[in-house]
Amino acid sequence: MNPNYATMVKEDIDKLLSVGFIHPVKQATWLNPIVVVPKKNNHIHVCVDYRKLNAATIADAFSLPFIDGVLDVVADHDCYNFLDGFSGYNQI
């Protein structure tokens, strides 16, 4: 890892550990490398490279619904809710 980013990556990982989003494991059966993307404001965005996981995953037989079908289902509701935690990009 680039030594210039090591401290910032540790801070990001410690933040995720402290809120319980991730947890340490004693022995991993698989690993995915992280990718550090610098931002314009001198911060970083820590991402996970899932290409190895995707290569080992069996494709889902059920595709995502078309947006028209989704809109038909939600059109009769009065209230909608969109959630984003402190790091919405981590939602799966």
N, C-alpha and C. Protein backbone atom coordinates (compact mmCIF):
# COMPACT_ATOMS: atom_id res chain seq x y z
N MET A 1 0.85 -1.17 0.00
CA MET A 1 0.00 0.00 0.00
C MET A 1 0.90 1.24 0.00
N ASN A 2 0.41 2.24 -0.65
CA ASN A 2 1.11 3.52 -0.68
C ASN A 2 1.23 4.05 0.75
N PRO A 3 2.45 4.31 1.21
CA PRO A 3 2.62 4.78 2.59
C PRO A 3 1.91 6.10 2.87
N ASN A 4 1.68 6.90 1.85
CA ASN A 4 0.98 8.17 2.05
C ASN A 4 -0.48 7.95 2.45
N TYR A 5 -1.06 6.81 2.08
CA TYR A 5 -2.46 6.53 2.37
C TYR A 5 -2.65 5.61 3.56
N ALA A 6 -1.59 4.99 4.05
CA ALA A 6 -1.72 3.96 5.09
C ALA A 6 -2.43 4.48 6.34
N THR A 7 -2.07 5.65 6.82
CA THR A 7 -2.69 6.20 8.02
C THR A 7 -4.16 6.50 7.79
N MET A 8 -4.48 7.07 6.63
CA MET A 8 -5.88 7.40 6.33
C MET A 8 -6.72 6.13 6.19
N VAL A 9 -6.17 5.08 5.59
CA VAL A 9 -6.89 3.81 5.46
C VAL A 9 -7.13 3.22 6.83
N LYS A 10 -6.13 3.25 7.70
CA LYS A 10 -6.30 2.73 9.06
C LYS A 10 -7.41 3.49 9.79
N GLU A 11 -7.46 4.82 9.63
CA GLU A 11 -8.52 5.61 10.26
C GLU A 11 -9.90 5.21 9.75
N ASP A 12 -10.03 5.00 8.44
CA ASP A 12 -11.31 4.57 7.87
C ASP A 12 -11.72 3.20 8.39
N ILE A 13 -10.77 2.28 8.45
CA ILE A 13 -11.07 0.92 8.93
C ILE A 13 -11.42 0.96 10.41
N ASP A 14 -10.69 1.76 11.19
CA ASP A 14 -11.01 1.88 12.62
C ASP A 14 -12.41 2.46 12.83
N LYS A 15 -12.80 3.40 11.98
CA LYS A 15 -14.15 3.99 12.08
C LYS A 15 -15.21 2.93 11.81
N LEU A 16 -15.00 2.10 10.78
CA LEU A 16 -15.96 1.04 10.46
C LEU A 16 -16.01 -0.01 11.56
N LEU A 17 -14.85 -0.32 12.17
CA LEU A 17 -14.81 -1.26 13.30
C LEU A 17 -15.56 -0.70 14.51
N SER A 18 -15.38 0.59 14.79
CA SER A 18 -15.97 1.17 16.00
C SER A 18 -17.50 1.21 15.94
N VAL A 19 -18.07 1.33 14.75
CA VAL A 19 -19.53 1.37 14.65
C VAL A 19 -20.13 -0.01 14.39
N GLY A 20 -19.28 -1.03 14.29
CA GLY A 20 -19.77 -2.39 14.12
C GLY A 20 -20.14 -2.76 12.69
N PHE A 21 -19.71 -1.94 11.72
CA PHE A 21 -20.02 -2.24 10.32
C PHE A 21 -19.19 -3.41 9.83
N ILE A 22 -17.96 -3.51 10.29
CA ILE A 22 -17.10 -4.65 9.99
C ILE A 22 -16.59 -5.20 11.31
N HIS A 23 -16.06 -6.41 11.29
CA HIS A 23 -15.47 -6.98 12.49
C HIS A 23 -14.28 -7.84 12.10
N PRO A 24 -13.31 -7.96 12.99
CA PRO A 24 -12.13 -8.76 12.68
C PRO A 24 -12.45 -10.25 12.69
N VAL A 25 -11.74 -10.99 11.87
CA VAL A 25 -11.86 -12.45 11.84
C VAL A 25 -10.49 -13.05 12.12
N LYS A 26 -10.49 -14.22 12.73
CA LYS A 26 -9.22 -14.86 13.07
C LYS A 26 -8.57 -15.49 11.85
N GLN A 27 -9.38 -16.13 11.02
CA GLN A 27 -8.84 -16.77 9.82
C GLN A 27 -9.85 -16.61 8.69
N ALA A 28 -9.41 -16.02 7.60
CA ALA A 28 -10.29 -15.78 6.46
C ALA A 28 -10.13 -16.89 5.43
N THR A 29 -11.25 -17.30 4.86
CA THR A 29 -11.20 -18.31 3.80
C THR A 29 -11.07 -17.66 2.43
N TRP A 30 -11.36 -16.37 2.34
CA TRP A 30 -11.17 -15.62 1.09
C TRP A 30 -10.90 -14.16 1.44
N LEU A 31 -10.24 -13.48 0.54
CA LEU A 31 -9.88 -12.08 0.74
C LEU A 31 -10.17 -11.29 -0.52
N ASN A 32 -10.51 -10.03 -0.37
CA ASN A 32 -10.65 -9.12 -1.49
C ASN A 32 -9.76 -7.92 -1.23
N PRO A 33 -8.96 -7.53 -2.21
CA PRO A 33 -8.06 -6.39 -1.99
C PRO A 33 -8.82 -5.07 -1.93
N ILE A 34 -8.25 -4.11 -1.19
CA ILE A 34 -8.86 -2.79 -1.16
C ILE A 34 -8.19 -1.92 -2.21
N VAL A 35 -8.92 -0.91 -2.65
CA VAL A 35 -8.42 0.06 -3.61
C VAL A 35 -8.65 1.43 -2.99
N VAL A 36 -7.61 2.24 -2.96
CA VAL A 36 -7.70 3.58 -2.40
C VAL A 36 -7.86 4.58 -3.55
N VAL A 37 -8.92 5.37 -3.47
CA VAL A 37 -9.19 6.38 -4.49
C VAL A 37 -9.07 7.75 -3.84
N PRO A 38 -8.10 8.56 -4.29
CA PRO A 38 -7.97 9.89 -3.69
C PRO A 38 -9.10 10.81 -4.15
N LYS A 39 -9.56 11.66 -3.24
CA LYS A 39 -10.59 12.67 -3.55
C LYS A 39 -9.92 14.03 -3.72
N LYS A 40 -10.66 14.97 -4.27
CA LYS A 40 -10.12 16.31 -4.51
C LYS A 40 -9.84 17.07 -3.22
N ASN A 41 -10.54 16.72 -2.12
CA ASN A 41 -10.40 17.44 -0.86
C ASN A 41 -9.32 16.83 0.05
N ASN A 42 -8.36 16.11 -0.53
CA ASN A 42 -7.25 15.47 0.19
C ASN A 42 -7.70 14.37 1.13
N HIS A 43 -8.90 13.86 0.96
CA HIS A 43 -9.37 12.68 1.68
C HIS A 43 -9.28 11.50 0.72
N ILE A 44 -9.60 10.33 1.22
CA ILE A 44 -9.58 9.14 0.37
C ILE A 44 -10.92 8.44 0.44
N HIS A 45 -11.16 7.60 -0.53
CA HIS A 45 -12.34 6.73 -0.57
C HIS A 45 -11.80 5.31 -0.64
N VAL A 46 -12.04 4.52 0.38
CA VAL A 46 -11.56 3.14 0.42
C VAL A 46 -12.62 2.23 -0.19
N CYS A 47 -12.26 1.55 -1.25
CA CYS A 47 -13.17 0.65 -1.96
C CYS A 47 -12.66 -0.78 -1.87
N VAL A 48 -13.51 -1.72 -2.19
CA VAL A 48 -13.13 -3.13 -2.22
C VAL A 48 -13.21 -3.61 -3.66
N ASP A 49 -12.18 -4.31 -4.11
CA ASP A 49 -12.14 -4.85 -5.46
C ASP A 49 -12.76 -6.25 -5.43
N TYR A 50 -13.99 -6.35 -5.92
CA TYR A 50 -14.73 -7.62 -5.86
C TYR A 50 -14.59 -8.46 -7.11
N ARG A 51 -13.63 -8.19 -7.99
CA ARG A 51 -13.51 -8.97 -9.23
C ARG A 51 -13.24 -10.44 -8.97
N LYS A 52 -12.40 -10.76 -7.98
CA LYS A 52 -12.13 -12.17 -7.66
C LYS A 52 -13.38 -12.86 -7.11
N LEU A 53 -14.14 -12.14 -6.26
CA LEU A 53 -15.38 -12.69 -5.72
C LEU A 53 -16.39 -12.90 -6.85
N ASN A 54 -16.52 -11.94 -7.74
CA ASN A 54 -17.45 -12.06 -8.86
C ASN A 54 -17.10 -13.24 -9.75
N ALA A 55 -15.82 -13.49 -9.95
CA ALA A 55 -15.39 -14.62 -10.79
C ALA A 55 -15.77 -15.96 -10.15
N ALA A 56 -15.85 -16.01 -8.82
CA ALA A 56 -16.15 -17.26 -8.12
C ALA A 56 -17.63 -17.41 -7.80
N THR A 57 -18.44 -16.43 -8.14
CA THR A 57 -19.86 -16.43 -7.79
C THR A 57 -20.71 -16.98 -8.92
N ILE A 58 -21.70 -17.78 -8.57
CA ILE A 58 -22.66 -18.29 -9.56
C ILE A 58 -23.66 -17.18 -9.84
N ALA A 59 -23.92 -16.95 -11.11
CA ALA A 59 -24.84 -15.87 -11.50
C ALA A 59 -26.25 -16.14 -10.98
N ASP A 60 -26.94 -15.08 -10.59
CA ASP A 60 -28.30 -15.17 -10.09
C ASP A 60 -29.26 -15.39 -11.25
N ALA A 61 -30.14 -16.36 -11.12
CA ALA A 61 -31.08 -16.66 -12.19
C ALA A 61 -32.22 -15.65 -12.27
N PHE A 62 -32.39 -14.85 -11.22
CA PHE A 62 -33.48 -13.87 -11.18
C PHE A 62 -32.92 -12.48 -11.41
N SER A 63 -33.29 -11.87 -12.50
CA SER A 63 -32.76 -10.55 -12.82
C SER A 63 -33.51 -9.48 -12.02
N LEU A 64 -32.94 -8.29 -11.98
CA LEU A 64 -33.58 -7.17 -11.30
C LEU A 64 -34.84 -6.77 -12.06
N PRO A 65 -35.85 -6.26 -11.36
CA PRO A 65 -37.08 -5.87 -12.04
C PRO A 65 -36.88 -4.60 -12.87
N PHE A 66 -37.71 -4.43 -13.89
CA PHE A 66 -37.69 -3.21 -14.68
C PHE A 66 -38.26 -2.07 -13.86
N ILE A 67 -37.79 -0.87 -14.10
CA ILE A 67 -38.23 0.28 -13.32
C ILE A 67 -39.74 0.50 -13.46
N ASP A 68 -40.31 0.17 -14.62
CA ASP A 68 -41.77 0.33 -14.80
C ASP A 68 -42.53 -0.53 -13.80
N GLY A 69 -42.08 -1.75 -13.58
CA GLY A 69 -42.73 -2.64 -12.62
C GLY A 69 -42.61 -2.14 -11.20
N VAL A 70 -41.44 -1.59 -10.87
CA VAL A 70 -41.23 -1.04 -9.52
C VAL A 70 -42.14 0.16 -9.30
N LEU A 71 -42.23 1.03 -10.27
CA LEU A 71 -43.08 2.22 -10.14
C LEU A 71 -44.55 1.84 -10.01
N ASP A 72 -44.99 0.81 -10.72
CA ASP A 72 -46.37 0.36 -10.60
C ASP A 72 -46.68 -0.09 -9.16
N VAL A 73 -45.72 -0.75 -8.53
CA VAL A 73 -45.93 -1.26 -7.17
C VAL A 73 -45.96 -0.12 -6.14
N VAL A 74 -45.09 0.88 -6.30
CA VAL A 74 -44.99 1.93 -5.28
C VAL A 74 -45.87 3.14 -5.56
N ALA A 75 -46.53 3.18 -6.70
CA ALA A 75 -47.27 4.37 -7.11
C ALA A 75 -48.42 4.71 -6.16
N ASP A 76 -49.04 3.76 -5.51
CA ASP A 76 -50.22 4.00 -4.68
C ASP A 76 -49.88 4.37 -3.23
N HIS A 77 -48.62 4.47 -2.89
CA HIS A 77 -48.23 4.77 -1.52
C HIS A 77 -48.09 6.28 -1.30
N ASP A 78 -48.34 6.71 -0.08
CA ASP A 78 -48.28 8.13 0.25
C ASP A 78 -46.92 8.56 0.79
N CYS A 79 -46.16 7.63 1.32
CA CYS A 79 -44.92 7.99 1.99
C CYS A 79 -43.78 7.10 1.47
N TYR A 80 -42.63 7.71 1.27
CA TYR A 80 -41.45 6.99 0.81
C TYR A 80 -40.30 7.31 1.75
N ASN A 81 -39.35 6.40 1.87
CA ASN A 81 -38.23 6.59 2.76
C ASN A 81 -36.97 6.12 2.06
N PHE A 82 -35.95 6.96 2.08
CA PHE A 82 -34.65 6.60 1.54
C PHE A 82 -33.63 6.76 2.65
N LEU A 83 -32.87 5.72 2.91
CA LEU A 83 -31.92 5.75 4.00
C LEU A 83 -30.49 5.77 3.48
N ASP A 84 -29.65 6.51 4.16
CA ASP A 84 -28.23 6.54 3.86
C ASP A 84 -27.50 6.76 5.17
N GLY A 85 -26.74 5.77 5.60
CA GLY A 85 -25.97 5.93 6.82
C GLY A 85 -24.82 6.88 6.58
N PHE A 86 -23.83 6.87 7.46
CA PHE A 86 -22.73 7.80 7.27
C PHE A 86 -21.90 7.43 6.05
N SER A 87 -22.02 6.20 5.57
CA SER A 87 -21.30 5.78 4.35
C SER A 87 -22.24 4.91 3.53
N GLY A 88 -23.13 5.54 2.80
CA GLY A 88 -24.14 4.82 2.04
C GLY A 88 -23.56 3.93 0.97
N TYR A 89 -22.35 4.20 0.50
CA TYR A 89 -21.75 3.37 -0.54
C TYR A 89 -21.42 1.98 -0.05
N ASN A 90 -21.45 1.75 1.28
CA ASN A 90 -21.17 0.43 1.82
C ASN A 90 -22.40 -0.46 1.86
N GLN A 91 -23.57 0.07 1.52
CA GLN A 91 -24.78 -0.73 1.57
C GLN A 91 -24.80 -1.74 0.43
N ILE A 92 -25.16 -2.95 0.75
CA ILE A 92 -25.23 -4.01 -0.26
C ILE A 92 -26.64 -4.53 -0.29
